[in-house]
Amino acid sequence: MWVFRAFGKTSTKGCGRPSVPDALRSFDLAPRHLSLLTYVLLDGPLTVNELARRLEVAPTTVSLMIGDLSRQGVLDRRTDDNDRRRTLVSIADAHREAVQAWLGGADRGWRAALGPLTAEQRALVIATLRAYEEAVGPG
């Protein structure tokens, strides 16, 4: 989880996109949903603004994505009990297991690969991958 946060939306770059499991195939899930669902799965519930900041897109873009996934029943929205002005987004209970099976593997892989390293070694790996991404450019 900490690795995905450190890399943001780039943690799956170059690793291929995991294929959508049968339990989620009936939904209209596009590549743009992958990072959003991963953040909500690993760190949720989150607000629209938190997701927009992490995904580096406008809140209106995230709102549209959330609306689309909410209408399909993949995401739930609820008012934050601590601040009634905020809406929290989470994976719908009915689909949490399927989304976890689909997207949770990368988190397990990063933990297995980087877990034995010291904090300094992990920081070096992250800095190296970020430098690589900057050198390669967007894409």
N, C-alpha and C. Protein backbone atom coordinates (compact mmCIF):
# COMPACT_ATOMS: atom_id res chain seq x y z
N MET A 1 0.83 -1.18 0.00
CA MET A 1 0.00 0.00 0.00
C MET A 1 0.87 1.24 0.00
N TRP A 2 1.90 1.31 0.83
CA TRP A 2 2.76 2.49 0.88
C TRP A 2 3.49 2.68 -0.43
N VAL A 3 3.77 1.60 -1.13
CA VAL A 3 4.46 1.73 -2.41
C VAL A 3 3.54 2.36 -3.44
N PHE A 4 2.27 1.91 -3.47
CA PHE A 4 1.34 2.49 -4.44
C PHE A 4 1.17 3.97 -4.16
N ARG A 5 1.09 4.36 -2.89
CA ARG A 5 0.98 5.77 -2.56
C ARG A 5 2.22 6.52 -3.02
N ALA A 6 3.37 5.93 -2.85
CA ALA A 6 4.61 6.60 -3.24
C ALA A 6 4.69 6.80 -4.74
N PHE A 7 4.21 5.85 -5.50
CA PHE A 7 4.28 5.94 -6.96
C PHE A 7 3.05 6.58 -7.55
N GLY A 8 1.97 6.66 -6.79
CA GLY A 8 0.73 7.19 -7.33
C GLY A 8 0.25 6.33 -8.47
N LYS A 9 -0.23 6.99 -9.50
CA LYS A 9 -0.82 6.25 -10.61
C LYS A 9 0.20 5.52 -11.46
N THR A 10 1.48 5.67 -11.18
CA THR A 10 2.50 5.05 -12.02
C THR A 10 2.88 3.65 -11.58
N SER A 11 2.37 3.18 -10.46
CA SER A 11 2.87 1.91 -9.94
C SER A 11 2.56 0.73 -10.85
N THR A 12 1.56 0.84 -11.71
CA THR A 12 1.26 -0.25 -12.62
C THR A 12 1.84 -0.01 -14.00
N LYS A 13 2.50 1.12 -14.20
CA LYS A 13 3.07 1.46 -15.50
C LYS A 13 4.14 0.44 -15.87
N GLY A 14 4.02 -0.10 -17.06
CA GLY A 14 5.00 -1.05 -17.54
C GLY A 14 4.81 -2.45 -17.01
N CYS A 15 3.86 -2.65 -16.13
CA CYS A 15 3.64 -3.97 -15.55
C CYS A 15 2.49 -4.70 -16.23
N GLY A 16 1.85 -4.05 -17.18
CA GLY A 16 0.68 -4.65 -17.79
C GLY A 16 -0.53 -4.42 -16.92
N ARG A 17 -1.68 -4.44 -17.54
CA ARG A 17 -2.91 -4.21 -16.81
C ARG A 17 -3.50 -5.57 -16.45
N PRO A 18 -3.85 -5.80 -15.18
CA PRO A 18 -4.45 -7.08 -14.83
C PRO A 18 -5.79 -7.24 -15.52
N SER A 19 -6.08 -8.42 -16.01
CA SER A 19 -7.35 -8.63 -16.69
C SER A 19 -8.48 -8.61 -15.68
N VAL A 20 -9.61 -8.10 -16.12
CA VAL A 20 -10.79 -7.96 -15.27
C VAL A 20 -11.34 -9.35 -14.97
N PRO A 21 -11.59 -9.67 -13.69
CA PRO A 21 -12.13 -10.99 -13.36
C PRO A 21 -13.57 -11.13 -13.83
N ASP A 22 -14.01 -12.36 -13.99
CA ASP A 22 -15.36 -12.65 -14.47
C ASP A 22 -16.43 -11.93 -13.66
N ALA A 23 -16.24 -11.86 -12.34
CA ALA A 23 -17.25 -11.23 -11.47
C ALA A 23 -17.46 -9.75 -11.77
N LEU A 24 -16.50 -9.12 -12.46
CA LEU A 24 -16.61 -7.68 -12.76
C LEU A 24 -16.75 -7.40 -14.25
N ARG A 25 -16.78 -8.42 -15.09
CA ARG A 25 -16.81 -8.21 -16.54
C ARG A 25 -18.09 -7.55 -17.04
N SER A 26 -19.18 -7.70 -16.31
CA SER A 26 -20.44 -7.10 -16.77
C SER A 26 -20.47 -5.58 -16.58
N PHE A 27 -19.50 -5.05 -15.85
CA PHE A 27 -19.43 -3.60 -15.63
C PHE A 27 -18.61 -2.96 -16.73
N ASP A 28 -18.88 -1.69 -16.97
CA ASP A 28 -18.15 -0.93 -17.98
C ASP A 28 -16.91 -0.32 -17.32
N LEU A 29 -15.89 -1.15 -17.10
CA LEU A 29 -14.67 -0.70 -16.44
C LEU A 29 -13.61 -0.41 -17.50
N ALA A 30 -13.11 0.82 -17.48
CA ALA A 30 -12.10 1.25 -18.45
C ALA A 30 -10.76 1.39 -17.73
N PRO A 31 -9.67 1.48 -18.50
CA PRO A 31 -8.35 1.64 -17.87
C PRO A 31 -8.28 2.82 -16.90
N ARG A 32 -9.04 3.88 -17.18
CA ARG A 32 -9.00 5.06 -16.30
C ARG A 32 -9.51 4.74 -14.90
N HIS A 33 -10.29 3.67 -14.76
CA HIS A 33 -10.84 3.31 -13.45
C HIS A 33 -9.83 2.56 -12.57
N LEU A 34 -8.79 2.02 -13.17
CA LEU A 34 -7.86 1.15 -12.45
C LEU A 34 -7.21 1.86 -11.26
N SER A 35 -6.61 3.02 -11.49
CA SER A 35 -5.94 3.74 -10.40
C SER A 35 -6.93 4.20 -9.34
N LEU A 36 -8.07 4.72 -9.78
CA LEU A 36 -9.09 5.18 -8.83
C LEU A 36 -9.52 4.03 -7.92
N LEU A 37 -9.85 2.89 -8.52
CA LEU A 37 -10.29 1.75 -7.72
C LEU A 37 -9.18 1.25 -6.79
N THR A 38 -7.94 1.29 -7.25
CA THR A 38 -6.83 0.84 -6.41
C THR A 38 -6.66 1.74 -5.20
N TYR A 39 -6.71 3.05 -5.41
CA TYR A 39 -6.61 3.98 -4.28
C TYR A 39 -7.74 3.74 -3.28
N VAL A 40 -8.96 3.61 -3.78
CA VAL A 40 -10.10 3.42 -2.88
C VAL A 40 -9.98 2.08 -2.15
N LEU A 41 -9.53 1.06 -2.87
CA LEU A 41 -9.37 -0.26 -2.25
C LEU A 41 -8.33 -0.22 -1.14
N LEU A 42 -7.17 0.36 -1.42
CA LEU A 42 -6.06 0.32 -0.47
C LEU A 42 -6.16 1.37 0.63
N ASP A 43 -6.72 2.53 0.32
CA ASP A 43 -6.71 3.65 1.27
C ASP A 43 -8.09 4.18 1.62
N GLY A 44 -9.14 3.62 1.05
CA GLY A 44 -10.47 4.16 1.21
C GLY A 44 -11.02 3.97 2.60
N PRO A 45 -12.14 4.61 2.87
CA PRO A 45 -12.84 5.53 1.96
C PRO A 45 -12.09 6.86 1.81
N LEU A 46 -12.26 7.45 0.63
CA LEU A 46 -11.60 8.72 0.30
C LEU A 46 -12.61 9.72 -0.24
N THR A 47 -12.27 11.00 -0.15
CA THR A 47 -13.12 12.04 -0.73
C THR A 47 -12.74 12.26 -2.19
N VAL A 48 -13.60 12.97 -2.90
CA VAL A 48 -13.34 13.31 -4.30
C VAL A 48 -12.04 14.10 -4.41
N ASN A 49 -11.86 15.09 -3.54
CA ASN A 49 -10.65 15.91 -3.60
C ASN A 49 -9.39 15.11 -3.30
N GLU A 50 -9.46 14.18 -2.36
CA GLU A 50 -8.30 13.33 -2.09
C GLU A 50 -7.95 12.49 -3.31
N LEU A 51 -8.96 11.93 -3.95
CA LEU A 51 -8.72 11.13 -5.15
C LEU A 51 -8.17 11.98 -6.29
N ALA A 52 -8.72 13.17 -6.46
CA ALA A 52 -8.25 14.07 -7.53
C ALA A 52 -6.78 14.41 -7.33
N ARG A 53 -6.41 14.70 -6.10
CA ARG A 53 -5.01 15.04 -5.81
C ARG A 53 -4.10 13.85 -6.13
N ARG A 54 -4.48 12.67 -5.71
CA ARG A 54 -3.64 11.49 -5.94
C ARG A 54 -3.56 11.12 -7.42
N LEU A 55 -4.67 11.27 -8.12
CA LEU A 55 -4.70 10.92 -9.55
C LEU A 55 -4.17 12.03 -10.44
N GLU A 56 -3.97 13.21 -9.84
CA GLU A 56 -3.47 14.37 -10.56
C GLU A 56 -4.40 14.77 -11.71
N VAL A 57 -5.70 14.80 -11.39
CA VAL A 57 -6.72 15.25 -12.33
C VAL A 57 -7.67 16.19 -11.58
N ALA A 58 -8.52 16.86 -12.33
CA ALA A 58 -9.48 17.79 -11.73
C ALA A 58 -10.54 17.03 -10.93
N PRO A 59 -11.02 17.64 -9.84
CA PRO A 59 -12.10 17.01 -9.07
C PRO A 59 -13.33 16.69 -9.92
N THR A 60 -13.62 17.53 -10.91
CA THR A 60 -14.78 17.24 -11.76
C THR A 60 -14.59 15.94 -12.54
N THR A 61 -13.36 15.67 -12.96
CA THR A 61 -13.07 14.42 -13.67
C THR A 61 -13.30 13.23 -12.75
N VAL A 62 -12.81 13.34 -11.51
CA VAL A 62 -13.00 12.26 -10.54
C VAL A 62 -14.48 12.09 -10.23
N SER A 63 -15.21 13.19 -10.10
CA SER A 63 -16.65 13.12 -9.82
C SER A 63 -17.38 12.35 -10.91
N LEU A 64 -17.01 12.60 -12.16
CA LEU A 64 -17.63 11.88 -13.28
C LEU A 64 -17.32 10.39 -13.21
N MET A 65 -16.08 10.05 -12.90
CA MET A 65 -15.70 8.64 -12.79
C MET A 65 -16.43 7.96 -11.64
N ILE A 66 -16.51 8.65 -10.51
CA ILE A 66 -17.20 8.10 -9.35
C ILE A 66 -18.68 7.92 -9.65
N GLY A 67 -19.28 8.92 -10.29
CA GLY A 67 -20.69 8.81 -10.66
C GLY A 67 -20.94 7.60 -11.54
N ASP A 68 -20.07 7.40 -12.52
CA ASP A 68 -20.20 6.27 -13.43
C ASP A 68 -20.10 4.95 -12.67
N LEU A 69 -19.11 4.82 -11.82
CA LEU A 69 -18.92 3.57 -11.07
C LEU A 69 -20.00 3.38 -9.99
N SER A 70 -20.51 4.47 -9.45
CA SER A 70 -21.59 4.38 -8.46
C SER A 70 -22.88 3.91 -9.11
N ARG A 71 -23.19 4.45 -10.29
CA ARG A 71 -24.40 4.01 -11.01
C ARG A 71 -24.34 2.52 -11.34
N GLN A 72 -23.15 2.02 -11.57
CA GLN A 72 -22.98 0.60 -11.87
C GLN A 72 -22.96 -0.27 -10.61
N GLY A 73 -22.89 0.37 -9.45
CA GLY A 73 -22.90 -0.36 -8.19
C GLY A 73 -21.53 -0.82 -7.71
N VAL A 74 -20.46 -0.36 -8.36
CA VAL A 74 -19.11 -0.76 -7.97
C VAL A 74 -18.63 0.06 -6.77
N LEU A 75 -19.00 1.33 -6.72
CA LEU A 75 -18.62 2.22 -5.62
C LEU A 75 -19.85 2.65 -4.83
N ASP A 76 -19.63 2.92 -3.55
CA ASP A 76 -20.66 3.51 -2.69
C ASP A 76 -20.21 4.91 -2.30
N ARG A 77 -21.18 5.80 -2.18
CA ARG A 77 -20.91 7.15 -1.67
C ARG A 77 -21.74 7.35 -0.42
N ARG A 78 -21.13 7.96 0.59
CA ARG A 78 -21.87 8.27 1.82
C ARG A 78 -21.32 9.55 2.42
N THR A 79 -22.15 10.21 3.19
CA THR A 79 -21.74 11.44 3.86
C THR A 79 -20.80 11.10 5.01
N ASP A 80 -19.75 11.88 5.15
CA ASP A 80 -18.78 11.72 6.23
C ASP A 80 -19.46 12.10 7.55
N ASP A 81 -19.48 11.18 8.50
CA ASP A 81 -20.11 11.45 9.80
C ASP A 81 -19.41 12.57 10.56
N ASN A 82 -18.12 12.76 10.32
CA ASN A 82 -17.35 13.80 11.01
C ASN A 82 -17.47 15.17 10.37
N ASP A 83 -17.84 15.21 9.10
CA ASP A 83 -17.99 16.47 8.37
C ASP A 83 -19.06 16.26 7.31
N ARG A 84 -20.28 16.66 7.61
CA ARG A 84 -21.43 16.39 6.75
C ARG A 84 -21.30 17.02 5.37
N ARG A 85 -20.35 17.92 5.17
CA ARG A 85 -20.16 18.54 3.86
C ARG A 85 -19.38 17.65 2.90
N ARG A 86 -18.70 16.65 3.47
CA ARG A 86 -17.84 15.78 2.65
C ARG A 86 -18.54 14.47 2.32
N THR A 87 -18.26 13.98 1.12
CA THR A 87 -18.76 12.67 0.70
C THR A 87 -17.58 11.72 0.61
N LEU A 88 -17.73 10.55 1.21
CA LEU A 88 -16.70 9.53 1.17
C LEU A 88 -17.05 8.46 0.14
N VAL A 89 -16.05 8.00 -0.56
CA VAL A 89 -16.22 6.99 -1.61
C VAL A 89 -15.54 5.71 -1.16
N SER A 90 -16.23 4.58 -1.32
CA SER A 90 -15.64 3.28 -0.97
C SER A 90 -16.10 2.24 -1.98
N ILE A 91 -15.42 1.10 -1.98
CA ILE A 91 -15.82 -0.02 -2.83
C ILE A 91 -17.11 -0.59 -2.24
N ALA A 92 -18.09 -0.87 -3.08
CA ALA A 92 -19.34 -1.47 -2.61
C ALA A 92 -19.05 -2.84 -2.00
N ASP A 93 -19.68 -3.12 -0.88
CA ASP A 93 -19.46 -4.40 -0.20
C ASP A 93 -19.68 -5.59 -1.12
N ALA A 94 -20.68 -5.50 -1.99
CA ALA A 94 -21.01 -6.61 -2.89
C ALA A 94 -19.89 -6.93 -3.86
N HIS A 95 -19.00 -5.97 -4.11
CA HIS A 95 -17.94 -6.17 -5.10
C HIS A 95 -16.53 -6.08 -4.52
N ARG A 96 -16.44 -5.88 -3.21
CA ARG A 96 -15.12 -5.70 -2.58
C ARG A 96 -14.22 -6.92 -2.80
N GLU A 97 -14.74 -8.11 -2.63
CA GLU A 97 -13.91 -9.31 -2.78
C GLU A 97 -13.37 -9.44 -4.21
N ALA A 98 -14.21 -9.17 -5.20
CA ALA A 98 -13.77 -9.27 -6.61
C ALA A 98 -12.74 -8.20 -6.93
N VAL A 99 -12.95 -6.97 -6.44
CA VAL A 99 -11.99 -5.89 -6.69
C VAL A 99 -10.68 -6.20 -5.98
N GLN A 100 -10.75 -6.72 -4.76
CA GLN A 100 -9.54 -7.10 -4.02
C GLN A 100 -8.76 -8.17 -4.78
N ALA A 101 -9.46 -9.17 -5.29
CA ALA A 101 -8.79 -10.24 -6.05
C ALA A 101 -8.15 -9.68 -7.32
N TRP A 102 -8.81 -8.71 -7.93
CA TRP A 102 -8.33 -8.12 -9.19
C TRP A 102 -7.12 -7.22 -8.97
N LEU A 103 -7.20 -6.33 -7.98
CA LEU A 103 -6.19 -5.29 -7.82
C LEU A 103 -5.26 -5.47 -6.63
N GLY A 104 -5.58 -6.37 -5.74
CA GLY A 104 -4.79 -6.54 -4.53
C GLY A 104 -3.45 -7.24 -4.75
N GLY A 105 -3.30 -7.95 -5.85
CA GLY A 105 -2.07 -8.69 -6.10
C GLY A 105 -0.84 -7.81 -6.21
N ALA A 106 -0.98 -6.65 -6.83
CA ALA A 106 0.17 -5.75 -6.99
C ALA A 106 0.67 -5.30 -5.62
N ASP A 107 -0.24 -5.02 -4.72
CA ASP A 107 0.16 -4.61 -3.37
C ASP A 107 0.93 -5.72 -2.68
N ARG A 108 0.42 -6.95 -2.79
CA ARG A 108 1.12 -8.09 -2.19
C ARG A 108 2.51 -8.26 -2.80
N GLY A 109 2.60 -8.08 -4.11
CA GLY A 109 3.89 -8.22 -4.79
C GLY A 109 4.90 -7.18 -4.34
N TRP A 110 4.45 -5.92 -4.25
CA TRP A 110 5.35 -4.86 -3.79
C TRP A 110 5.81 -5.12 -2.36
N ARG A 111 4.88 -5.55 -1.51
CA ARG A 111 5.25 -5.82 -0.11
C ARG A 111 6.27 -6.95 -0.03
N ALA A 112 6.08 -8.00 -0.83
CA ALA A 112 7.01 -9.13 -0.80
C ALA A 112 8.39 -8.71 -1.31
N ALA A 113 8.40 -7.89 -2.36
CA ALA A 113 9.68 -7.48 -2.96
C ALA A 113 10.43 -6.47 -2.11
N LEU A 114 9.71 -5.52 -1.53
CA LEU A 114 10.37 -4.43 -0.83
C LEU A 114 10.36 -4.58 0.69
N GLY A 115 9.54 -5.47 1.20
CA GLY A 115 9.44 -5.65 2.65
C GLY A 115 10.75 -5.96 3.34
N PRO A 116 11.59 -6.82 2.77
CA PRO A 116 12.86 -7.14 3.44
C PRO A 116 13.89 -6.00 3.44
N LEU A 117 13.67 -4.98 2.63
CA LEU A 117 14.64 -3.89 2.52
C LEU A 117 14.54 -2.94 3.71
N THR A 118 15.62 -2.24 3.97
CA THR A 118 15.60 -1.19 4.99
C THR A 118 14.84 0.02 4.43
N ALA A 119 14.50 0.94 5.30
CA ALA A 119 13.81 2.16 4.85
C ALA A 119 14.66 2.92 3.84
N GLU A 120 15.95 2.95 4.06
CA GLU A 120 16.85 3.66 3.13
C GLU A 120 16.88 2.97 1.77
N GLN A 121 16.91 1.64 1.78
CA GLN A 121 16.91 0.90 0.52
C GLN A 121 15.61 1.11 -0.25
N ARG A 122 14.48 1.09 0.48
CA ARG A 122 13.19 1.33 -0.19
C ARG A 122 13.15 2.72 -0.78
N ALA A 123 13.66 3.71 -0.04
CA ALA A 123 13.68 5.08 -0.55
C ALA A 123 14.52 5.17 -1.82
N LEU A 124 15.63 4.45 -1.87
CA LEU A 124 16.47 4.45 -3.06
C LEU A 124 15.74 3.82 -4.25
N VAL A 125 15.03 2.72 -4.02
CA VAL A 125 14.26 2.08 -5.10
C VAL A 125 13.21 3.05 -5.63
N ILE A 126 12.48 3.69 -4.74
CA ILE A 126 11.43 4.63 -5.15
C ILE A 126 12.04 5.81 -5.91
N ALA A 127 13.12 6.37 -5.40
CA ALA A 127 13.78 7.49 -6.08
C ALA A 127 14.27 7.08 -7.46
N THR A 128 14.80 5.89 -7.58
CA THR A 128 15.29 5.40 -8.87
C THR A 128 14.15 5.23 -9.86
N LEU A 129 13.05 4.64 -9.42
CA LEU A 129 11.91 4.45 -10.32
C LEU A 129 11.29 5.79 -10.73
N ARG A 130 11.23 6.73 -9.80
CA ARG A 130 10.72 8.06 -10.16
C ARG A 130 11.64 8.75 -11.17
N ALA A 131 12.94 8.64 -10.98
CA ALA A 131 13.89 9.23 -11.93
C ALA A 131 13.74 8.58 -13.30
N TYR A 132 13.54 7.29 -13.33
CA TYR A 132 13.33 6.58 -14.59
C TYR A 132 12.08 7.11 -15.29
N GLU A 133 10.98 7.22 -14.53
CA GLU A 133 9.74 7.69 -15.12
C GLU A 133 9.89 9.10 -15.68
N GLU A 134 10.57 9.97 -14.94
CA GLU A 134 10.79 11.33 -15.44
C GLU A 134 11.63 11.32 -16.71
N ALA A 135 12.62 10.45 -16.79
CA ALA A 135 13.46 10.37 -17.98
C ALA A 135 12.69 9.85 -19.18
N VAL A 136 11.79 8.91 -18.94
CA VAL A 136 11.00 8.33 -20.03
C VAL A 136 9.91 9.30 -20.47
N GLY A 137 9.36 10.05 -19.53
CA GLY A 137 8.31 11.02 -19.85
C GLY A 137 6.93 10.41 -19.74
N PRO A 138 5.89 11.22 -20.01
CA PRO A 138 4.51 10.75 -19.88
C PRO A 138 4.23 9.64 -20.88
N GLY A 139 3.30 8.81 -20.47
CA GLY A 139 2.96 7.81 -21.45
C GLY A 139 2.35 6.62 -20.92
